[in-house]
Amino acid sequence: MQYKVLIVEDDRSVSDALEDCLSGWEMEPRSVRDFKNVMGEFRAFAPHLVLMDIGLPYLDGYSLCKSIRAESSAPVIFISAASENMNIVMAMELGADDFIVKPFDRSVLIAKLRAHLRRAYEFADRQPELRLSDAVLDTGEHCLKRNGERIELTKNEYRILHVLLTQKGKLVRRDTLMEALWQTDSFVDENTLTVNVARLRKKLAAAGLGDPVRTRFGEGYILREDV
């Protein structure tokens, strides 16, 4: 499998060197050129992994990581000379998967990228298939796929649906779902969970999958067993 890697680095010499480094390792690297439209390039390329610098024109890497995390679970790895602990902590808090300090050893970079890609996609492919009607939950790309179309899920929506699908027909208590979301580095309270479930239900309905989630007030949610 050829993994697509988006390089978000405004120093052209560094991004060119990264492209050269990654090519030939079952990776298809592409560097962002329009830093006013990084998210547009991200959506168009649909990368499996993102290499992100911190200091960028227009929006910094932290802001872009937050935007990516709102709609994708693709691993985000920061590469930066700003190695202070606060920068590393902030990156991880915003959903980054790793932080590599410049200058870095190329062999170490390749090894880390391949490890993240294996965890995110190859290991995930070995899990049992989770279906919702005629849609399949892609545990590698963290989205629903139906008739060749992608139904994008936020990090929280994916985690909620994953738990409900593994417990189809059973009551999943609210505290169980909140614990699952905490594992994604998201702080959630009762209201946040309610909002995320409501958004997931709207997204499923808009995709033509009806409303398979049933609410048991004060207790939790049940995904209908017949879907």
Protein backbone atom coordinates (compact mmCIF):
# COMPACT_ATOMS: atom_id res chain seq x y z
CA MET A 1 0.00 0.00 0.00
CA GLN A 2 1.25 3.48 -0.90
CA TYR A 3 0.66 5.79 2.06
CA LYS A 4 0.07 9.47 1.33
CA VAL A 5 2.00 11.89 3.55
CA LEU A 6 1.22 15.61 3.55
CA ILE A 7 4.19 17.83 4.48
CA VAL A 8 3.20 21.15 6.04
CA GLU A 9 6.54 22.98 6.08
CA ASP A 10 7.14 26.47 4.65
CA ASP A 11 10.92 26.12 4.28
CA ARG A 12 11.11 24.81 0.70
CA SER A 13 14.55 23.26 1.19
CA VAL A 14 13.28 21.27 4.19
CA SER A 15 10.05 20.15 2.49
CA ASP A 16 11.97 19.11 -0.66
CA ALA A 17 14.42 17.15 1.49
CA LEU A 18 11.52 15.45 3.29
CA GLU A 19 9.88 14.51 -0.01
CA ASP A 20 13.14 13.01 -1.20
CA CYS A 21 13.58 11.17 2.11
CA LEU A 22 10.08 9.64 2.14
CA SER A 23 9.88 8.64 -1.51
CA GLY A 24 10.63 4.98 -2.00
CA TRP A 25 9.48 3.90 1.45
CA GLU A 26 5.93 2.97 0.36
CA MET A 27 5.03 6.63 0.86
CA GLU A 28 3.72 9.26 -1.53
CA PRO A 29 4.81 12.62 -0.07
CA ARG A 30 3.31 15.94 -1.10
CA SER A 31 4.21 19.38 0.24
CA VAL A 32 1.71 22.16 0.87
CA ARG A 33 2.29 25.12 -1.44
CA ASP A 34 -0.66 27.39 -0.64
CA PHE A 35 -0.42 28.20 3.05
CA LYS A 36 -3.62 30.24 2.87
CA ASN A 37 -5.45 27.03 2.01
CA VAL A 38 -3.75 24.25 3.95
CA MET A 39 -7.04 22.58 4.88
CA GLY A 40 -8.16 22.69 1.25
CA GLU A 41 -4.99 20.88 0.20
CA PHE A 42 -5.44 18.44 3.09
CA ARG A 43 -8.97 17.55 1.98
CA ALA A 44 -8.01 17.26 -1.69
CA PHE A 45 -5.02 14.98 -0.98
CA ALA A 46 -6.68 12.99 1.85
CA PRO A 47 -3.34 11.95 3.41
CA HIS A 48 -2.81 8.96 5.67
CA LEU A 49 -0.35 10.99 7.79
CA VAL A 50 0.64 14.64 8.23
CA LEU A 51 4.08 16.05 9.01
CA MET A 52 3.54 19.47 10.59
CA ASP A 53 5.86 22.37 11.42
CA ILE A 54 4.81 24.86 14.12
CA GLY A 55 5.86 28.22 12.68
CA LEU A 56 3.90 28.67 9.46
CA PRO A 57 2.45 31.62 7.49
CA TYR A 58 -1.14 32.67 8.24
CA LEU A 59 -2.02 29.83 10.67
CA ASP A 60 0.43 28.06 12.97
CA GLY A 61 0.76 24.29 13.21
CA TYR A 62 -1.25 24.15 16.43
CA SER A 63 -4.31 25.74 14.79
CA LEU A 64 -4.01 23.49 11.75
CA CYS A 65 -3.66 20.38 13.91
CA LYS A 66 -6.84 21.34 15.75
CA SER A 67 -8.67 21.79 12.42
CA ILE A 68 -7.43 18.42 11.13
CA ARG A 69 -8.50 16.69 14.33
CA ALA A 70 -12.01 18.09 13.92
CA GLU A 71 -12.48 16.01 10.79
CA SER A 72 -9.80 13.31 10.58
CA SER A 73 -7.93 10.78 12.68
CA ALA A 74 -4.90 10.61 10.37
CA PRO A 75 -1.72 10.66 12.49
CA VAL A 76 -0.22 14.15 12.86
CA ILE A 77 3.49 14.31 13.66
CA PHE A 78 5.10 17.65 14.50
CA ILE A 79 8.63 18.35 13.26
CA SER A 80 10.08 21.47 14.79
CA ALA A 81 13.22 23.04 16.21
CA ALA A 82 11.03 24.53 18.96
CA SER A 83 11.73 21.68 21.35
CA GLU A 84 10.67 23.32 24.62
CA ASN A 85 8.47 21.09 26.73
CA MET A 86 5.54 23.53 26.47
CA ASN A 87 5.53 23.22 22.67
CA ILE A 88 5.53 19.44 22.87
CA VAL A 89 2.78 19.39 25.49
CA MET A 90 0.62 21.82 23.50
CA ALA A 91 1.01 19.76 20.33
CA MET A 92 0.01 16.55 22.09
CA GLU A 93 -2.92 18.22 23.85
CA LEU A 94 -4.27 19.36 20.46
CA GLY A 95 -4.25 15.81 19.13
CA ALA A 96 -0.74 15.31 17.71
CA ASP A 97 0.56 11.74 17.72
CA ASP A 98 4.26 12.51 18.02
CA PHE A 99 6.84 15.33 18.11
CA ILE A 100 10.20 15.06 16.35
CA VAL A 101 12.84 17.68 17.08
CA LYS A 102 14.87 19.25 14.27
CA PRO A 103 17.51 18.41 13.25
CA PHE A 104 16.50 14.76 13.09
CA ASP A 105 18.07 11.56 11.85
CA ARG A 106 16.42 10.41 8.62
CA SER A 107 16.37 6.76 9.64
CA VAL A 108 14.67 7.63 12.93
CA LEU A 109 12.07 9.75 11.07
CA ILE A 110 11.30 6.92 8.64
CA ALA A 111 11.06 4.38 11.46
CA LYS A 112 8.62 6.57 13.42
CA LEU A 113 6.43 7.29 10.41
CA ARG A 114 6.23 3.62 9.46
CA ALA A 115 5.36 2.68 13.04
CA HIS A 116 2.52 5.22 13.17
CA LEU A 117 1.21 4.09 9.78
CA ARG A 118 1.24 0.43 10.83
CA ARG A 119 -0.65 1.20 14.04
CA ALA A 120 -3.18 3.41 12.30
CA TYR A 121 -3.88 1.26 9.25
CA GLU A 122 -2.29 -2.20 9.05
CA PHE A 123 -3.09 -3.32 12.59
CA ALA A 124 -6.54 -1.76 12.39
CA ASP A 125 -7.30 -3.80 9.25
CA ARG A 126 -7.09 -7.00 11.31
CA GLN A 127 -10.05 -6.02 13.47
CA PRO A 128 -13.49 -7.57 12.80
CA GLU A 129 -15.62 -5.66 10.31
CA LEU A 130 -18.13 -3.32 11.93
CA ARG A 131 -21.23 -2.66 9.83
CA LEU A 132 -24.09 -0.22 10.11
CA SER A 133 -26.72 -1.27 7.62
CA ASP A 134 -24.86 -1.21 4.26
CA ALA A 135 -22.07 1.02 5.57
CA VAL A 136 -18.77 -0.22 7.01
CA LEU A 137 -16.79 1.54 9.73
CA ASP A 138 -13.24 1.87 8.43
CA THR A 139 -11.11 1.49 11.54
CA GLY A 140 -7.99 2.48 9.65
CA GLU A 141 -9.20 5.75 8.16
CA HIS A 142 -11.72 6.39 10.95
CA CYS A 143 -14.71 7.05 8.72
CA LEU A 144 -17.80 5.26 7.43
CA LYS A 145 -17.74 3.93 3.88
CA ARG A 146 -20.92 3.26 1.94
CA ASN A 147 -21.19 2.34 -1.74
CA GLY A 148 -17.71 3.70 -2.35
CA GLU A 149 -18.46 7.01 -0.64
CA ARG A 150 -16.77 8.30 2.52
CA ILE A 151 -18.87 9.60 5.40
CA GLU A 152 -16.43 11.72 7.39
CA LEU A 153 -16.53 11.49 11.19
CA THR A 154 -14.89 13.66 13.78
CA LYS A 155 -12.61 11.98 16.28
CA ASN A 156 -15.37 11.93 18.92
CA GLU A 157 -18.10 10.79 16.51
CA TYR A 158 -15.91 7.91 15.34
CA ARG A 159 -15.16 6.77 18.88
CA ILE A 160 -18.83 6.92 19.93
CA LEU A 161 -19.96 4.96 16.88
CA HIS A 162 -17.15 2.42 17.32
CA VAL A 163 -18.22 1.69 20.89
CA LEU A 164 -21.91 1.48 19.95
CA LEU A 165 -21.17 -0.90 17.05
CA THR A 166 -19.11 -3.23 19.23
CA GLN A 167 -22.03 -3.32 21.69
CA LYS A 168 -24.86 -3.43 19.15
CA GLY A 169 -28.22 -4.13 20.77
CA LYS A 170 -26.87 -3.46 24.27
CA LEU A 171 -27.16 -0.44 26.52
CA VAL A 172 -23.93 1.57 26.51
CA ARG A 173 -23.87 3.78 29.57
CA ARG A 174 -22.95 7.43 29.33
CA ASP A 175 -19.93 7.08 31.60
CA THR A 176 -18.60 4.28 29.36
CA LEU A 177 -18.78 6.58 26.33
CA MET A 178 -17.14 9.43 28.21
CA GLU A 179 -14.28 7.15 29.24
CA ALA A 180 -13.86 6.14 25.58
CA LEU A 181 -13.64 9.80 24.55
CA TRP A 182 -11.11 10.58 27.27
CA GLN A 183 -8.85 7.99 25.61
CA THR A 184 -8.73 10.26 22.53
CA ASP A 185 -7.27 13.12 24.64
CA SER A 186 -10.61 14.96 24.58
CA PHE A 187 -12.07 16.41 27.76
CA VAL A 188 -15.79 15.68 27.76
CA ASP A 189 -18.56 16.26 30.22
CA GLU A 190 -22.23 15.22 30.15
CA ASN A 191 -23.24 18.09 27.88
CA THR A 192 -20.35 17.54 25.46
CA LEU A 193 -21.31 13.88 25.10
CA THR A 194 -24.94 14.78 24.40
CA VAL A 195 -23.89 17.27 21.72
CA ASN A 196 -21.56 14.76 20.06
CA VAL A 197 -24.20 12.03 19.99
CA ALA A 198 -26.73 14.48 18.52
CA ARG A 199 -24.27 15.46 15.77
CA LEU A 200 -23.54 11.82 15.01
CA ARG A 201 -27.25 11.05 14.69
CA LYS A 202 -27.74 13.98 12.30
CA LYS A 203 -24.77 12.87 10.22
CA LEU A 204 -26.08 9.30 9.96
CA ALA A 205 -29.54 10.54 9.00
CA ALA A 206 -28.09 12.89 6.37
CA ALA A 207 -26.15 9.96 4.90
CA GLY A 208 -29.39 7.97 4.49
CA LEU A 209 -28.73 5.62 7.41
CA GLY A 210 -31.79 6.66 9.40
CA ASP A 211 -31.69 7.05 13.17
CA PRO A 212 -30.38 3.75 14.58
CA VAL A 213 -29.35 5.20 17.95
CA ARG A 214 -31.88 4.96 20.75
CA THR A 215 -31.64 7.08 23.90
CA ARG A 216 -32.38 5.70 27.33
CA PHE A 217 -32.66 8.91 29.31
CA GLY A 218 -30.38 9.19 32.30
CA GLU A 219 -28.63 5.92 31.42
CA GLY A 220 -27.10 5.84 27.96
CA TYR A 221 -27.60 4.78 24.34
CA ILE A 222 -28.44 1.64 22.39
CA LEU A 223 -27.59 0.94 18.75
CA ARG A 224 -30.48 -1.04 17.31
CA GLU A 225 -29.52 -4.68 16.77
CA ASP A 226 -31.36 -4.90 13.44
CA VAL A 227 -29.14 -2.36 11.65
